[in-house]
Protein backbone atom coordinates (compact mmCIF):
# COMPACT_ATOMS: atom_id res chain seq x y z
CA MET A 1 -13.50 -28.11 37.82
CA THR A 2 -14.38 -31.64 36.69
CA SER A 3 -12.08 -33.61 34.39
CA VAL A 4 -14.61 -33.55 31.53
CA PHE A 5 -15.17 -29.82 31.89
CA ARG A 6 -11.43 -29.16 32.04
CA LYS A 7 -10.81 -31.16 28.85
CA THR A 8 -13.67 -29.40 27.07
CA PHE A 9 -12.35 -26.01 28.19
CA MET A 10 -8.82 -26.80 26.98
CA LEU A 11 -10.17 -28.04 23.63
CA LEU A 12 -12.08 -24.80 23.13
CA LEU A 13 -8.93 -22.81 23.91
CA LEU A 14 -6.97 -24.81 21.35
CA VAL A 15 -9.62 -24.30 18.70
CA ALA A 16 -9.75 -20.58 19.41
CA ALA A 17 -5.97 -20.32 19.30
CA SER A 18 -5.69 -22.22 16.03
CA GLY A 19 -8.34 -19.97 14.50
CA ALA A 20 -6.46 -16.89 15.64
CA PHE A 21 -3.22 -18.13 14.13
CA ALA A 22 -4.96 -19.06 10.87
CA ALA A 23 -6.54 -15.65 10.32
CA THR A 24 -5.07 -13.52 7.56
CA PRO A 25 -3.79 -10.20 8.94
CA ALA A 26 -6.02 -7.20 8.24
CA THR A 27 -3.37 -5.48 6.15
CA VAL A 28 -3.08 -4.15 2.62
CA PHE A 29 0.72 -4.41 2.58
CA ILE A 30 1.93 -7.49 0.73
CA GLU A 31 5.17 -7.59 2.71
CA ASP A 32 3.08 -8.38 5.82
CA LEU A 33 1.49 -11.43 4.16
CA THR A 34 2.74 -14.94 3.51
CA TRP A 35 2.79 -16.08 -0.11
CA THR A 36 -0.25 -18.28 0.41
CA GLU A 37 -2.18 -15.44 2.04
CA LEU A 38 -1.30 -13.19 -0.89
CA ARG A 39 -2.34 -15.89 -3.39
CA ASP A 40 -5.71 -16.14 -1.66
CA GLU A 41 -6.16 -12.35 -1.59
CA ILE A 42 -5.54 -12.17 -5.33
CA GLY A 43 -7.90 -15.10 -5.88
CA ALA A 44 -10.56 -13.27 -3.87
CA GLY A 45 -10.41 -10.28 -6.24
CA LYS A 46 -7.65 -8.02 -4.96
CA THR A 47 -6.01 -7.72 -8.36
CA THR A 48 -4.85 -4.11 -8.22
CA ILE A 49 -1.35 -3.57 -6.86
CA ILE A 50 -0.21 -0.09 -5.86
CA VAL A 51 3.54 0.49 -6.25
CA PRO A 52 4.39 3.41 -3.93
CA ILE A 53 7.47 5.37 -4.99
CA GLY A 54 9.16 7.79 -2.65
CA GLY A 55 12.75 8.94 -2.58
CA THR A 56 15.49 9.48 -0.04
CA GLU A 57 16.48 13.15 -0.04
CA GLN A 58 17.22 16.13 2.15
CA ASN A 59 14.20 18.02 3.45
CA GLY A 60 15.82 20.86 5.31
CA SER A 61 17.04 20.68 8.89
CA HIS A 62 13.49 20.22 10.21
CA MET A 63 12.31 17.13 8.31
CA ALA A 64 13.78 13.62 7.97
CA LEU A 65 15.33 12.21 4.80
CA GLY A 66 12.63 9.55 4.43
CA LYS A 67 9.70 11.97 4.17
CA HIS A 68 8.64 10.85 0.70
CA ASN A 69 8.86 7.15 1.60
CA ALA A 70 6.80 7.47 4.77
CA ARG A 71 4.25 9.76 3.13
CA VAL A 72 3.61 7.60 0.08
CA ARG A 73 3.28 4.50 2.27
CA ALA A 74 0.71 6.15 4.54
CA LEU A 75 -1.31 7.55 1.66
CA SER A 76 -1.12 4.32 -0.36
CA GLU A 77 -2.63 2.44 2.58
CA ARG A 78 -5.56 4.85 2.72
CA ILE A 79 -6.02 4.67 -1.05
CA ALA A 80 -5.93 0.87 -1.11
CA ARG A 81 -8.48 0.59 1.69
CA GLU A 82 -10.85 2.98 -0.06
CA LEU A 83 -10.51 1.08 -3.34
CA GLY A 84 -11.28 -2.21 -1.60
CA ASN A 85 -9.68 -4.37 -4.30
CA ALA A 86 -6.08 -3.18 -3.97
CA LEU A 87 -2.91 -4.17 -2.14
CA VAL A 88 0.30 -2.19 -1.62
CA ALA A 89 3.82 -3.20 -2.65
CA PRO A 90 6.95 -2.25 -0.70
CA VAL A 91 7.98 1.38 -1.12
CA ILE A 92 10.64 2.11 -3.74
CA ALA A 93 13.03 4.44 -1.93
CA TYR A 94 15.89 4.71 -4.46
CA VAL A 95 15.03 7.17 -7.22
CA PRO A 96 16.70 9.73 -9.54
CA GLU A 97 17.82 12.70 -7.42
CA GLY A 98 20.45 14.39 -9.56
CA SER A 99 24.05 13.74 -10.48
CA VAL A 100 26.92 12.64 -8.25
CA ASN A 101 29.84 14.20 -10.07
CA PRO A 102 29.42 17.08 -9.89
CA PRO A 103 26.69 16.86 -7.21
CA SER A 104 23.49 18.57 -8.31
CA GLU A 105 20.03 19.26 -6.89
CA HIS A 106 19.48 17.47 -3.56
CA MET A 107 22.70 15.50 -3.98
CA ARG A 108 24.49 18.53 -2.58
CA PHE A 109 23.19 17.49 0.87
CA PRO A 110 24.29 14.42 2.90
CA GLY A 111 21.88 11.49 2.94
CA THR A 112 20.29 11.99 -0.47
CA ILE A 113 20.53 8.85 -2.63
CA THR A 114 20.30 8.87 -6.41
CA VAL A 115 20.09 6.28 -9.18
CA PRO A 116 20.18 6.83 -12.96
CA ASP A 117 16.84 7.19 -14.73
CA ALA A 118 17.50 4.05 -16.80
CA THR A 119 18.16 1.99 -13.66
CA PHE A 120 15.05 3.35 -12.01
CA GLU A 121 12.89 2.53 -15.02
CA LYS A 122 14.27 -1.02 -15.18
CA LEU A 123 13.39 -1.48 -11.52
CA LEU A 124 9.80 -0.39 -12.15
CA GLU A 125 9.54 -2.66 -15.20
CA SER A 126 10.85 -5.68 -13.30
CA ALA A 127 8.50 -5.10 -10.37
CA ALA A 128 5.52 -4.75 -12.72
CA ARG A 129 6.38 -7.95 -14.58
CA SER A 130 6.62 -9.77 -11.25
CA PHE A 131 3.15 -8.62 -10.27
CA LYS A 132 1.73 -9.59 -13.66
CA LEU A 133 3.20 -13.07 -13.31
CA HIS A 134 1.47 -13.61 -9.99
CA GLY A 135 -2.02 -12.60 -11.07
CA PHE A 136 -2.40 -8.85 -10.65
CA ARG A 137 -4.33 -7.19 -13.47
CA ASP A 138 -3.61 -3.53 -12.73
CA VAL A 139 -0.20 -2.23 -11.68
CA VAL A 140 -0.50 1.32 -10.36
CA PHE A 141 2.56 3.54 -9.98
CA LEU A 142 2.14 6.31 -7.39
CA GLY A 143 5.06 8.72 -7.22
CA ASP A 144 5.47 11.16 -4.31
CA HIS A 145 8.24 13.15 -6.01
CA GLY A 146 7.97 15.39 -9.05
CA GLY A 147 11.30 14.65 -10.66
CA TYR A 148 10.51 11.17 -11.96
CA GLN A 149 6.88 11.46 -13.04
CA LYS A 150 8.00 11.25 -16.68
CA ASP A 151 9.75 7.95 -15.91
CA LEU A 152 6.56 6.46 -14.48
CA GLN A 153 4.64 7.46 -17.59
CA ALA A 154 7.32 6.10 -19.92
CA VAL A 155 7.42 2.73 -18.14
CA ALA A 156 3.63 2.37 -18.07
CA ALA A 157 3.37 3.20 -21.77
CA ALA A 158 6.10 0.69 -22.71
CA LEU A 159 4.56 -2.08 -20.63
CA ASN A 160 1.10 -1.48 -22.05
CA ARG A 161 2.45 -1.78 -25.58
CA GLU A 162 4.10 -5.05 -24.59
CA TRP A 163 0.96 -6.30 -22.82
CA SER A 164 -1.57 -5.12 -25.41
CA ALA A 165 -2.80 -8.66 -26.10
CA THR A 166 -3.29 -9.40 -22.38
CA PRO A 167 -5.83 -8.13 -19.82
CA VAL A 168 -3.06 -6.64 -17.64
CA ARG A 169 -2.32 -2.91 -17.63
CA ALA A 170 0.14 -0.53 -15.98
CA HIS A 171 -0.95 2.93 -14.85
CA ALA A 172 1.11 6.00 -13.99
CA VAL A 173 -1.44 7.86 -11.87
CA VAL A 174 -0.02 11.36 -11.97
CA GLU A 175 -3.09 12.83 -10.25
CA TYR A 176 -1.55 11.65 -6.98
CA TYR A 177 1.38 14.05 -7.32
CA ARG A 178 -0.47 16.81 -9.16
CA THR A 179 -2.87 17.24 -6.25
CA THR A 180 0.02 18.38 -4.04
CA GLY A 181 0.49 21.22 -6.54
CA ALA A 182 -2.21 23.64 -7.64
CA PRO A 183 -5.20 22.10 -5.77
CA PHE A 184 -3.43 22.01 -2.39
CA VAL A 185 -1.79 25.38 -2.99
CA ALA A 186 -5.25 26.88 -3.59
CA VAL A 187 -6.47 25.49 -0.27
CA LEU A 188 -3.48 26.97 1.52
CA GLN A 189 -3.87 30.36 -0.13
CA LYS A 190 -7.52 30.51 0.96
CA ARG A 191 -6.26 30.03 4.51
CA GLY A 192 -3.96 33.00 4.25
CA PHE A 193 -0.63 31.38 3.43
CA THR A 194 1.60 33.23 0.99
CA ALA A 195 3.33 31.70 -2.01
CA GLU A 196 6.64 32.32 -0.23
CA GLU A 197 5.49 30.22 2.74
CA ILE A 198 3.97 27.43 0.65
CA GLY A 199 7.13 27.02 -1.37
CA THR A 200 8.16 24.12 -3.58
CA HIS A 201 10.21 21.96 -1.19
CA ALA A 202 10.06 21.55 2.60
CA GLY A 203 7.91 24.66 2.97
CA VAL A 204 4.55 24.93 4.68
CA ALA A 205 2.79 22.60 2.21
CA ASP A 206 5.35 19.81 2.41
CA THR A 207 5.79 20.10 6.16
CA SER A 208 2.05 20.22 6.90
CA LEU A 209 1.54 16.95 5.02
CA ALA A 210 4.29 15.36 7.09
CA LEU A 211 2.77 16.64 10.34
CA ALA A 212 -0.58 15.11 9.37
CA LEU A 213 0.74 11.75 8.17
CA THR A 214 4.13 11.10 9.79
CA PRO A 215 4.64 13.67 12.57
CA GLY A 216 7.67 11.85 13.97
CA MET A 217 9.63 12.89 10.89
CA VAL A 218 9.31 16.60 11.69
CA ARG A 219 11.55 18.37 14.22
CA SER A 220 8.90 20.58 15.78
CA GLU A 221 11.47 22.55 17.78
CA ARG A 222 12.72 23.98 14.48
CA LEU A 223 9.26 25.36 13.64
CA GLY A 224 7.17 28.12 15.17
CA SER A 225 7.32 31.90 15.08
CA ASN A 226 10.52 32.03 17.14
CA ALA A 227 12.44 29.71 14.84
CA PRO A 228 14.78 31.30 12.31
CA LYS A 229 13.49 31.34 8.75
CA PRO A 230 15.05 28.49 6.73
CA LEU A 231 17.05 29.46 3.66
CA ALA A 232 17.72 27.81 0.31
CA SER A 233 21.18 27.01 1.66
CA ASP A 234 19.40 24.84 4.25
CA GLY A 235 17.67 22.93 1.45
CA VAL A 236 14.31 24.64 2.04
CA TYR A 237 12.36 26.43 -0.67
CA GLY A 238 9.49 27.92 1.29
CA ASP A 239 8.82 28.73 4.92
CA PRO A 240 7.52 25.87 7.10
CA ARG A 241 7.19 27.78 10.37
CA ARG A 242 3.37 28.00 10.25
CA ALA A 243 2.89 24.39 9.13
CA SER A 244 0.23 22.36 10.94
CA ALA A 245 -1.26 18.88 10.95
CA GLU A 246 -4.73 20.38 10.48
CA VAL A 247 -3.74 21.99 7.20
CA GLY A 248 -1.82 18.90 6.14
CA GLN A 249 -4.87 16.72 6.67
CA LEU A 250 -6.77 18.78 4.11
CA GLY A 251 -4.04 18.04 1.59
CA ALA A 252 -3.92 14.35 2.47
CA ASP A 253 -7.69 14.01 2.05
CA ALA A 254 -7.53 15.76 -1.33
CA ILE A 255 -4.73 13.47 -2.54
CA VAL A 256 -6.61 10.33 -1.51
CA ALA A 257 -9.89 11.45 -3.11
CA ALA A 258 -8.26 12.49 -6.40
CA THR A 259 -6.14 9.35 -6.61
CA VAL A 260 -8.97 6.93 -5.84
CA ALA A 261 -11.09 8.59 -8.54
CA ALA A 262 -8.22 8.43 -11.04
CA ILE A 263 -7.52 4.76 -10.32
CA HIS A 264 -11.21 3.89 -10.67
CA LYS A 265 -11.24 5.63 -14.06
CA ALA A 266 -7.99 4.04 -15.23
CA THR A 267 -8.86 0.50 -14.20
CA THR A 268 -12.48 0.39 -15.41
CA ARG A 269 -12.56 -1.93 -18.38
CA ARG A 270 -14.70 -0.66 -21.26
C-alpha cells in the first residue's frame, strides 16, 4: 500500500467514523437523545409528545410487577412510529394504587407502589408544562391502568383551560385503555375464551398482551393446563392458563390502531 493510498484510506475511515458518530439515533424515546438532537427533532416537526403512564403493582405470581410500565412503553413506541411526528417521554411508573393505611386494592401485595391522586396529577401537570416550554404542541397522556383515567382527563382539561390562548393542547387519550376492555374482550370471546378466563386483572387478556409485548415478564412455568388455577388471593381476577402471544398480538394491534386514530383526531387543528 503506497503512502498516498494509505493516507487517503485513513482519511475516508475518519470521515465515515465522524459521520457515524454524528448521526441521530433512530429512536422515538427522548431519553435516548441528547438535548440538541431533541431540539432538532422538534424543529423538524416532531411536536407531539406521548407521555406513557404505567404503574407498579402486583400481577399475580405469574407476571412481574412492572407489567404496565413495560407494556405502555412498547405500545407507545409503536404508536409514535405510526404517527410519524411523535416522540415518547419516559414512562411514569408511580401512580395511585390504593391506600397504605389500611392497605387496600393492590397495596395488599408486596411491591405495589402508590402515590396520592393529587401528587400524581401535579406530576403530570409539571411534565406537560416542561414539554410545552421546549416546543411541543400536543402533549398526549396514555394510561395503561384503569384506576387513574379520570386523573388524566382532569389534568388535560385544566391545562387546556390554562393554555386556551396558546396553540398547545393536552390530550387524555382514553381510547388506548378502553380498547383493552370491550373490543379486546369481544375478540377473545370469539376465540372461545370465557368471561371467567378473560377476567379483569392478570387473567388471559392481561397475560396474553404481556406474552406478545414483553414475554420476559411472564413466568411461563406457572401457565398451562397443568398449572393450578390462580385465585383472587393470589392477586388474579381471571384465569391466565390459556394465554398466548398470538392472542395478545391481536389486542396489541387493536390498541395501536385505535390510539393512532384517536390521536390523529385529537391533534388535527380545525
